[in-house]
Amino acid sequence: MFTIKNIFIGFGLILVDVAVYIFFGLLLMGYDDFYDESKGPYWSLESMTNTEKITYIGLNVWHVINFVAIGIVIYRIIKLVKSRR
């Protein structure tokens, strides 16, 4: 069922996921540090540069990818548990 290879693959995927979140977080730190009220409301797209907009949208896309992946994992676990009964 679970082999050492599968455990390392899962651990590697988690590390890549955390690395992507750190990457997006570091890129968005520039927005947080240099936010200017005259450009618009805080965290609105109008107050961001193009790079910050791409980073912000990329982070939200990454959230969706993670939610879908978690849903797939939960579905497979439920399917596995039901098949063993």
PDB file of N, CA and C in Angstrom:
ATOM      1  N   MET A   1       0.827  -1.186   0.000  1.00  0.00           N
ATOM      2  CA  MET A   1       0.000   0.000   0.000  1.00  0.00           C
ATOM      3  C   MET A   1       0.876   1.256   0.000  1.00  0.00           C
ATOM      4  N   PHE A   2       1.502   1.604   1.109  1.00  0.00           N
ATOM      5  CA  PHE A   2       2.395   2.759   1.169  1.00  0.00           C
ATOM      6  C   PHE A   2       3.821   2.255   1.148  1.00  0.00           C
ATOM      7  N   THR A   3       4.549   2.689   0.140  1.00  0.00           N
ATOM      8  CA  THR A   3       5.959   2.330   0.079  1.00  0.00           C
ATOM      9  C   THR A   3       6.788   3.555   0.448  1.00  0.00           C
ATOM     10  N   ILE A   4       8.041   3.323   0.694  1.00  0.00           N
ATOM     11  CA  ILE A   4       8.951   4.423   1.016  1.00  0.00           C
ATOM     12  C   ILE A   4       8.981   5.429  -0.140  1.00  0.00           C
ATOM     13  N   LYS A   5       8.925   4.918  -1.360  1.00  0.00           N
ATOM     14  CA  LYS A   5       8.940   5.786  -2.540  1.00  0.00           C
ATOM     15  C   LYS A   5       7.742   6.734  -2.517  1.00  0.00           C
ATOM     16  N   ASN A   6       6.549   6.202  -2.209  1.00  0.00           N
ATOM     17  CA  ASN A   6       5.347   7.037  -2.167  1.00  0.00           C
ATOM     18  C   ASN A   6       5.427   8.091  -1.065  1.00  0.00           C
ATOM     19  N   ILE A   7       6.018   7.726   0.058  1.00  0.00           N
ATOM     20  CA  ILE A   7       6.158   8.674   1.160  1.00  0.00           C
ATOM     21  C   ILE A   7       7.108   9.802   0.759  1.00  0.00           C
ATOM     22  N   PHE A   8       8.208   9.474   0.105  1.00  0.00           N
ATOM     23  CA  PHE A   8       9.148  10.508  -0.342  1.00  0.00           C
ATOM     24  C   PHE A   8       8.537  11.400  -1.420  1.00  0.00           C
ATOM     25  N   ILE A   9       7.745  10.818  -2.314  1.00  0.00           N
ATOM     26  CA  ILE A   9       7.074  11.613  -3.341  1.00  0.00           C
ATOM     27  C   ILE A   9       6.094  12.586  -2.681  1.00  0.00           C
ATOM     28  N   GLY A  10       5.315  12.112  -1.728  1.00  0.00           N
ATOM     29  CA  GLY A  10       4.377  12.975  -1.020  1.00  0.00           C
ATOM     30  C   GLY A  10       5.080  14.086  -0.265  1.00  0.00           C
ATOM     31  N   PHE A  11       6.168  13.737   0.408  1.00  0.00           N
ATOM     32  CA  PHE A  11       6.951  14.730   1.139  1.00  0.00           C
ATOM     33  C   PHE A  11       7.552  15.759   0.181  1.00  0.00           C
ATOM     34  N   GLY A  12       8.016  15.303  -0.962  1.00  0.00           N
ATOM     35  CA  GLY A  12       8.564  16.214  -1.971  1.00  0.00           C
ATOM     36  C   GLY A  12       7.520  17.170  -2.519  1.00  0.00           C
ATOM     37  N   LEU A  13       6.320  16.652  -2.761  1.00  0.00           N
ATOM     38  CA  LEU A  13       5.236  17.522  -3.247  1.00  0.00           C
ATOM     39  C   LEU A  13       4.867  18.579  -2.220  1.00  0.00           C
ATOM     40  N   ILE A  14       4.863  18.204  -0.948  1.00  0.00           N
ATOM     41  CA  ILE A  14       4.570  19.175   0.111  1.00  0.00           C
ATOM     42  C   ILE A  14       5.659  20.242   0.163  1.00  0.00           C
ATOM     43  N   LEU A  15       6.920  19.846   0.020  1.00  0.00           N
ATOM     44  CA  LEU A  15       8.018  20.814   0.022  1.00  0.00           C
ATOM     45  C   LEU A  15       7.930  21.774  -1.168  1.00  0.00           C
ATOM     46  N   VAL A  16       7.569  21.258  -2.337  1.00  0.00           N
ATOM     47  CA  VAL A  16       7.406  22.121  -3.514  1.00  0.00           C
ATOM     48  C   VAL A  16       6.258  23.096  -3.285  1.00  0.00           C
ATOM     49  N   ASP A  17       5.163  22.620  -2.702  1.00  0.00           N
ATOM     50  CA  ASP A  17       4.016  23.472  -2.420  1.00  0.00           C
ATOM     51  C   ASP A  17       4.396  24.603  -1.468  1.00  0.00           C
ATOM     52  N   VAL A  18       5.109  24.279  -0.411  1.00  0.00           N
ATOM     53  CA  VAL A  18       5.551  25.299   0.545  1.00  0.00           C
ATOM     54  C   VAL A  18       6.520  26.271  -0.130  1.00  0.00           C
ATOM     55  N   ALA A  19       7.386  25.773  -0.991  1.00  0.00           N
ATOM     56  CA  ALA A  19       8.333  26.646  -1.691  1.00  0.00           C
ATOM     57  C   ALA A  19       7.600  27.632  -2.601  1.00  0.00           C
ATOM     58  N   VAL A  20       6.549  27.185  -3.262  1.00  0.00           N
ATOM     59  CA  VAL A  20       5.768  28.088  -4.120  1.00  0.00           C
ATOM     60  C   VAL A  20       5.097  29.162  -3.274  1.00  0.00           C
ATOM     61  N   TYR A  21       4.537  28.788  -2.123  1.00  0.00           N
ATOM     62  CA  TYR A  21       3.930  29.781  -1.243  1.00  0.00           C
ATOM     63  C   TYR A  21       4.968  30.774  -0.728  1.00  0.00           C
ATOM     64  N   ILE A  22       6.163  30.318  -0.397  1.00  0.00           N
ATOM     65  CA  ILE A  22       7.216  31.226   0.046  1.00  0.00           C
ATOM     66  C   ILE A  22       7.607  32.176  -1.087  1.00  0.00           C
ATOM     67  N   PHE A  23       7.713  31.649  -2.293  1.00  0.00           N
ATOM     68  CA  PHE A  23       8.040  32.467  -3.465  1.00  0.00           C
ATOM     69  C   PHE A  23       7.012  33.570  -3.668  1.00  0.00           C
ATOM     70  N   PHE A  24       5.721  33.211  -3.690  1.00  0.00           N
ATOM     71  CA  PHE A  24       4.677  34.222  -3.861  1.00  0.00           C
ATOM     72  C   PHE A  24       4.671  35.211  -2.695  1.00  0.00           C
ATOM     73  N   GLY A  25       4.881  34.729  -1.498  1.00  0.00           N
ATOM     74  CA  GLY A  25       4.904  35.607  -0.331  1.00  0.00           C
ATOM     75  C   GLY A  25       6.030  36.622  -0.396  1.00  0.00           C
ATOM     76  N   LEU A  26       7.205  36.169  -0.822  1.00  0.00           N
ATOM     77  CA  LEU A  26       8.332  37.089  -0.946  1.00  0.00           C
ATOM     78  C   LEU A  26       8.092  38.127  -2.037  1.00  0.00           C
ATOM     79  N   LEU A  27       7.480  37.708  -3.133  1.00  0.00           N
ATOM     80  CA  LEU A  27       7.186  38.668  -4.193  1.00  0.00           C
ATOM     81  C   LEU A  27       6.154  39.700  -3.751  1.00  0.00           C
ATOM     82  N   LEU A  28       5.194  39.296  -2.948  1.00  0.00           N
ATOM     83  CA  LEU A  28       4.165  40.231  -2.498  1.00  0.00           C
ATOM     84  C   LEU A  28       4.626  41.106  -1.333  1.00  0.00           C
ATOM     85  N   MET A  29       5.758  40.803  -0.742  1.00  0.00           N
ATOM     86  CA  MET A  29       6.274  41.655   0.334  1.00  0.00           C
ATOM     87  C   MET A  29       6.606  43.053  -0.176  1.00  0.00           C
ATOM     88  N   GLY A  30       7.015  43.148  -1.417  1.00  0.00           N
ATOM     89  CA  GLY A  30       7.300  44.454  -2.003  1.00  0.00           C
ATOM     90  C   GLY A  30       6.056  45.324  -2.054  1.00  0.00           C
ATOM     91  N   TYR A  31       4.921  44.738  -2.376  1.00  0.00           N
ATOM     92  CA  TYR A  31       3.664  45.505  -2.378  1.00  0.00           C
ATOM     93  C   TYR A  31       3.350  45.992  -0.978  1.00  0.00           C
ATOM     94  N   ASP A  32       3.481  45.121  -0.016  1.00  0.00           N
ATOM     95  CA  ASP A  32       3.160  45.476   1.365  1.00  0.00           C
ATOM     96  C   ASP A  32       4.089  46.578   1.890  1.00  0.00           C
ATOM     97  N   ASP A  33       5.358  46.512   1.508  1.00  0.00           N
ATOM     98  CA  ASP A  33       6.329  47.490   1.992  1.00  0.00           C
ATOM     99  C   ASP A  33       6.160  48.864   1.344  1.00  0.00           C
ATOM    100  N   PHE A  34       5.814  48.883   0.067  1.00  0.00           N
ATOM    101  CA  PHE A  34       5.778  50.143  -0.670  1.00  0.00           C
ATOM    102  C   PHE A  34       4.367  50.552  -1.082  1.00  0.00           C
ATOM    103  N   TYR A  35       3.357  50.122  -0.354  1.00  0.00           N
ATOM    104  CA  TYR A  35       1.977  50.485  -0.671  1.00  0.00           C
ATOM    105  C   TYR A  35       1.791  51.994  -0.524  1.00  0.00           C
ATOM    106  N   ASP A  36       1.101  52.577  -1.499  1.00  0.00           N
ATOM    107  CA  ASP A  36       0.831  54.017  -1.496  1.00  0.00           C
ATOM    108  C   ASP A  36      -0.683  54.215  -1.528  1.00  0.00           C
ATOM    109  N   GLU A  37      -1.226  54.880  -0.519  1.00  0.00           N
ATOM    110  CA  GLU A  37      -2.676  55.078  -0.417  1.00  0.00           C
ATOM    111  C   GLU A  37      -3.245  55.866  -1.584  1.00  0.00           C
ATOM    112  N   SER A  38      -2.442  56.704  -2.197  1.00  0.00           N
ATOM    113  CA  SER A  38      -2.947  57.539  -3.293  1.00  0.00           C
ATOM    114  C   SER A  38      -3.261  56.720  -4.546  1.00  0.00           C
ATOM    115  N   LYS A  39      -2.739  55.503  -4.631  1.00  0.00           N
ATOM    116  CA  LYS A  39      -2.979  54.665  -5.807  1.00  0.00           C
ATOM    117  C   LYS A  39      -4.276  53.883  -5.730  1.00  0.00           C
ATOM    118  N   GLY A  40      -4.867  53.742  -4.534  1.00  0.00           N
ATOM    119  CA  GLY A  40      -6.122  53.018  -4.391  1.00  0.00           C
ATOM    120  C   GLY A  40      -6.168  52.261  -3.089  1.00  0.00           C
ATOM    121  N   PRO A  41      -7.304  51.573  -2.864  1.00  0.00           N
ATOM    122  CA  PRO A  41      -7.461  50.812  -1.616  1.00  0.00           C
ATOM    123  C   PRO A  41      -6.420  49.696  -1.505  1.00  0.00           C
ATOM    124  N   TYR A  42      -6.102  49.367  -0.259  1.00  0.00           N
ATOM    125  CA  TYR A  42      -5.124  48.320   0.034  1.00  0.00           C
ATOM    126  C   TYR A  42      -5.594  46.986  -0.523  1.00  0.00           C
ATOM    127  N   TRP A  43      -4.733  46.268  -1.213  1.00  0.00           N
ATOM    128  CA  TRP A  43      -4.952  44.973  -1.853  1.00  0.00           C
ATOM    129  C   TRP A  43      -5.928  45.025  -3.020  1.00  0.00           C
ATOM    130  N   SER A  44      -6.205  46.220  -3.542  1.00  0.00           N
ATOM    131  CA  SER A  44      -7.002  46.289  -4.762  1.00  0.00           C
ATOM    132  C   SER A  44      -6.048  46.208  -5.950  1.00  0.00           C
ATOM    133  N   LEU A  45      -6.555  45.710  -7.062  1.00  0.00           N
ATOM    134  CA  LEU A  45      -5.704  45.569  -8.240  1.00  0.00           C
ATOM    135  C   LEU A  45      -5.275  46.924  -8.785  1.00  0.00           C
ATOM    136  N   GLU A  46      -6.068  47.952  -8.560  1.00  0.00           N
ATOM    137  CA  GLU A  46      -5.693  49.268  -9.084  1.00  0.00           C
ATOM    138  C   GLU A  46      -4.489  49.866  -8.357  1.00  0.00           C
ATOM    139  N   SER A  47      -4.213  49.416  -7.147  1.00  0.00           N
ATOM    140  CA  SER A  47      -3.070  49.942  -6.412  1.00  0.00           C
ATOM    141  C   SER A  47      -1.803  49.119  -6.628  1.00  0.00           C
ATOM    142  N   MET A  48      -1.856  48.125  -7.524  1.00  0.00           N
ATOM    143  CA  MET A  48      -0.712  47.246  -7.759  1.00  0.00           C
ATOM    144  C   MET A  48      -0.067  47.527  -9.109  1.00  0.00           C
ATOM    145  N   THR A  49       1.222  47.227  -9.193  1.00  0.00           N
ATOM    146  CA  THR A  49       1.903  47.258 -10.487  1.00  0.00           C
ATOM    147  C   THR A  49       1.547  45.974 -11.235  1.00  0.00           C
ATOM    148  N   ASN A  50       1.949  45.892 -12.497  1.00  0.00           N
ATOM    149  CA  ASN A  50       1.632  44.696 -13.289  1.00  0.00           C
ATOM    150  C   ASN A  50       2.260  43.440 -12.696  1.00  0.00           C
ATOM    151  N   THR A  51       3.479  43.548 -12.211  1.00  0.00           N
ATOM    152  CA  THR A  51       4.146  42.394 -11.597  1.00  0.00           C
ATOM    153  C   THR A  51       3.401  41.943 -10.346  1.00  0.00           C
ATOM    154  N   GLU A  52       2.959  42.896  -9.541  1.00  0.00           N
ATOM    155  CA  GLU A  52       2.211  42.552  -8.325  1.00  0.00           C
ATOM    156  C   GLU A  52       0.853  41.943  -8.660  1.00  0.00           C
ATOM    157  N   LYS A  53       0.217  42.421  -9.731  1.00  0.00           N
ATOM    158  CA  LYS A  53      -1.064  41.842 -10.161  1.00  0.00           C
ATOM    159  C   LYS A  53      -0.881  40.388 -10.583  1.00  0.00           C
ATOM    160  N   ILE A  54       0.167  40.139 -11.363  1.00  0.00           N
ATOM    161  CA  ILE A  54       0.434  38.769 -11.821  1.00  0.00           C
ATOM    162  C   ILE A  54       0.721  37.864 -10.627  1.00  0.00           C
ATOM    163  N   THR A  55       1.500  38.368  -9.671  1.00  0.00           N
ATOM    164  CA  THR A  55       1.824  37.583  -8.475  1.00  0.00           C
ATOM    165  C   THR A  55       0.577  37.308  -7.656  1.00  0.00           C
ATOM    166  N   TYR A  56      -0.247  38.318  -7.466  1.00  0.00           N
ATOM    167  CA  TYR A  56      -1.487  38.179  -6.690  1.00  0.00           C
ATOM    168  C   TYR A  56      -2.435  37.171  -7.342  1.00  0.00           C
ATOM    169  N   ILE A  57      -2.611  37.272  -8.648  1.00  0.00           N
ATOM    170  CA  ILE A  57      -3.487  36.340  -9.362  1.00  0.00           C
ATOM    171  C   ILE A  57      -2.878  34.939  -9.348  1.00  0.00           C
ATOM    172  N   GLY A  58      -1.555  34.848  -9.508  1.00  0.00           N
ATOM    173  CA  GLY A  58      -0.881  33.538  -9.446  1.00  0.00           C
ATOM    174  C   GLY A  58      -1.060  32.872  -8.095  1.00  0.00           C
ATOM    175  N   LEU A  59      -0.994  33.663  -7.017  1.00  0.00           N
ATOM    176  CA  LEU A  59      -1.206  33.115  -5.679  1.00  0.00           C
ATOM    177  C   LEU A  59      -2.620  32.566  -5.532  1.00  0.00           C
ATOM    178  N   ASN A  60      -3.602  33.303  -6.049  1.00  0.00           N
ATOM    179  CA  ASN A  60      -4.979  32.827  -5.963  1.00  0.00           C
ATOM    180  C   ASN A  60      -5.214  31.587  -6.821  1.00  0.00           C
ATOM    181  N   VAL A  61      -4.567  31.512  -7.971  1.00  0.00           N
ATOM    182  CA  VAL A  61      -4.650  30.300  -8.799  1.00  0.00           C
ATOM    183  C   VAL A  61      -4.015  29.128  -8.056  1.00  0.00           C
ATOM    184  N   TRP A  62      -2.901  29.390  -7.368  1.00  0.00           N
ATOM    185  CA  TRP A  62      -2.246  28.324  -6.603  1.00  0.00           C
ATOM    186  C   TRP A  62      -3.147  27.833  -5.470  1.00  0.00           C
ATOM    187  N   HIS A  63      -3.916  28.749  -4.858  1.00  0.00           N
ATOM    188  CA  HIS A  63      -4.890  28.341  -3.833  1.00  0.00           C
ATOM    189  C   HIS A  63      -5.912  27.374  -4.428  1.00  0.00           C
ATOM    190  N   VAL A  64      -6.431  27.705  -5.605  1.00  0.00           N
ATOM    191  CA  VAL A  64      -7.432  26.849  -6.259  1.00  0.00           C
ATOM    192  C   VAL A  64      -6.830  25.484  -6.580  1.00  0.00           C
ATOM    193  N   ILE A  65      -5.616  25.466  -7.095  1.00  0.00           N
ATOM    194  CA  ILE A  65      -4.948  24.196  -7.405  1.00  0.00           C
ATOM    195  C   ILE A  65      -4.809  23.355  -6.144  1.00  0.00           C
ATOM    196  N   ASN A  66      -4.443  23.977  -5.028  1.00  0.00           N
ATOM    197  CA  ASN A  66      -4.305  23.244  -3.771  1.00  0.00           C
ATOM    198  C   ASN A  66      -5.645  22.701  -3.285  1.00  0.00           C
ATOM    199  N   PHE A  67      -6.712  23.499  -3.376  1.00  0.00           N
ATOM    200  CA  PHE A  67      -8.022  23.017  -2.945  1.00  0.00           C
ATOM    201  C   PHE A  67      -8.486  21.834  -3.797  1.00  0.00           C
ATOM    202  N   VAL A  68      -8.254  21.903  -5.098  1.00  0.00           N
ATOM    203  CA  VAL A  68      -8.629  20.783  -5.977  1.00  0.00           C
ATOM    204  C   VAL A  68      -7.801  19.544  -5.630  1.00  0.00           C
ATOM    205  N   ALA A  69      -6.507  19.723  -5.407  1.00  0.00           N
ATOM    206  CA  ALA A  69      -5.639  18.581  -5.069  1.00  0.00           C
ATOM    207  C   ALA A  69      -6.049  17.963  -3.741  1.00  0.00           C
ATOM    208  N   ILE A  70      -6.376  18.789  -2.755  1.00  0.00           N
ATOM    209  CA  ILE A  70      -6.826  18.263  -1.465  1.00  0.00           C
ATOM    210  C   ILE A  70      -8.141  17.511  -1.637  1.00  0.00           C
ATOM    211  N   GLY A  71      -9.037  18.041  -2.467  1.00  0.00           N
ATOM    212  CA  GLY A  71     -10.295  17.347  -2.742  1.00  0.00           C
ATOM    213  C   GLY A  71     -10.078  15.990  -3.386  1.00  0.00           C
ATOM    214  N   ILE A  72      -9.148  15.923  -4.322  1.00  0.00           N
ATOM    215  CA  ILE A  72      -8.838  14.649  -4.983  1.00  0.00           C
ATOM    216  C   ILE A  72      -8.266  13.655  -3.985  1.00  0.00           C
ATOM    217  N   VAL A  73      -7.367  14.115  -3.117  1.00  0.00           N
ATOM    218  CA  VAL A  73      -6.776  13.222  -2.112  1.00  0.00           C
ATOM    219  C   VAL A  73      -7.845  12.708  -1.154  1.00  0.00           C
ATOM    220  N   ILE A  74      -8.722  13.581  -0.702  1.00  0.00           N
ATOM    221  CA  ILE A  74      -9.804  13.164   0.203  1.00  0.00           C
ATOM    222  C   ILE A  74     -10.727  12.171  -0.488  1.00  0.00           C
ATOM    223  N   TYR A  75     -11.051  12.433  -1.764  1.00  0.00           N
ATOM    224  CA  TYR A  75     -11.901  11.508  -2.522  1.00  0.00           C
ATOM    225  C   TYR A  75     -11.254  10.128  -2.640  1.00  0.00           C
ATOM    226  N   ARG A  76      -9.957  10.100  -2.928  1.00  0.00           N
ATOM    227  CA  ARG A  76      -9.270   8.813  -3.058  1.00  0.00           C
ATOM    228  C   ARG A  76      -9.186   8.069  -1.733  1.00  0.00           C
ATOM    229  N   ILE A  77      -9.003   8.794  -0.644  1.00  0.00           N
ATOM    230  CA  ILE A  77      -8.969   8.155   0.671  1.00  0.00           C
ATOM    231  C   ILE A  77     -10.333   7.562   0.996  1.00  0.00           C
ATOM    232  N   ILE A  78     -11.403   8.310   0.743  1.00  0.00           N
ATOM    233  CA  ILE A  78     -12.756   7.796   1.005  1.00  0.00           C
ATOM    234  C   ILE A  78     -13.031   6.580   0.126  1.00  0.00           C
ATOM    235  N   LYS A  79     -12.648   6.643  -1.138  1.00  0.00           N
ATOM    236  CA  LYS A  79     -12.841   5.527  -2.045  1.00  0.00           C
ATOM    237  C   LYS A  79     -12.065   4.291  -1.579  1.00  0.00           C
ATOM    238  N   LEU A  80     -10.844   4.494  -1.092  1.00  0.00           N
ATOM    239  CA  LEU A  80     -10.015   3.391  -0.590  1.00  0.00           C
ATOM    240  C   LEU A  80     -10.631   2.775   0.653  1.00  0.00           C
ATOM    241  N   VAL A  81     -11.107   3.597   1.569  1.00  0.00           N
ATOM    242  CA  VAL A  81     -11.702   3.095   2.805  1.00  0.00           C
ATOM    243  C   VAL A  81     -12.980   2.315   2.501  1.00  0.00           C
ATOM    244  N   LYS A  82     -13.806   2.830   1.604  1.00  0.00           N
ATOM    245  CA  LYS A  82     -15.057   2.144   1.249  1.00  0.00           C
ATOM    246  C   LYS A  82     -14.800   0.816   0.540  1.00  0.00           C
ATOM    247  N   SER A  83     -13.739   0.748  -0.258  1.00  0.00           N
ATOM    248  CA  SER A  83     -13.463  -0.497  -0.985  1.00  0.00           C
ATOM    249  C   SER A  83     -12.928  -1.590  -0.071  1.00  0.00           C
ATOM    250  N   ARG A  84     -12.390  -1.219   1.073  1.00  0.00           N
ATOM    251  CA  ARG A  84     -11.854  -2.210   2.014  1.00  0.00           C
ATOM    252  C   ARG A  84     -12.930  -2.799   2.909  1.00  0.00           C
ATOM    253  N   ARG A  85     -14.109  -2.228   2.928  1.00  0.00           N
ATOM    254  CA  ARG A  85     -15.181  -2.761   3.782  1.00  0.00           C
ATOM    255  C   ARG A  85     -15.848  -3.946   3.168  1.00  0.00           C
TER     256      ARG A  85
END
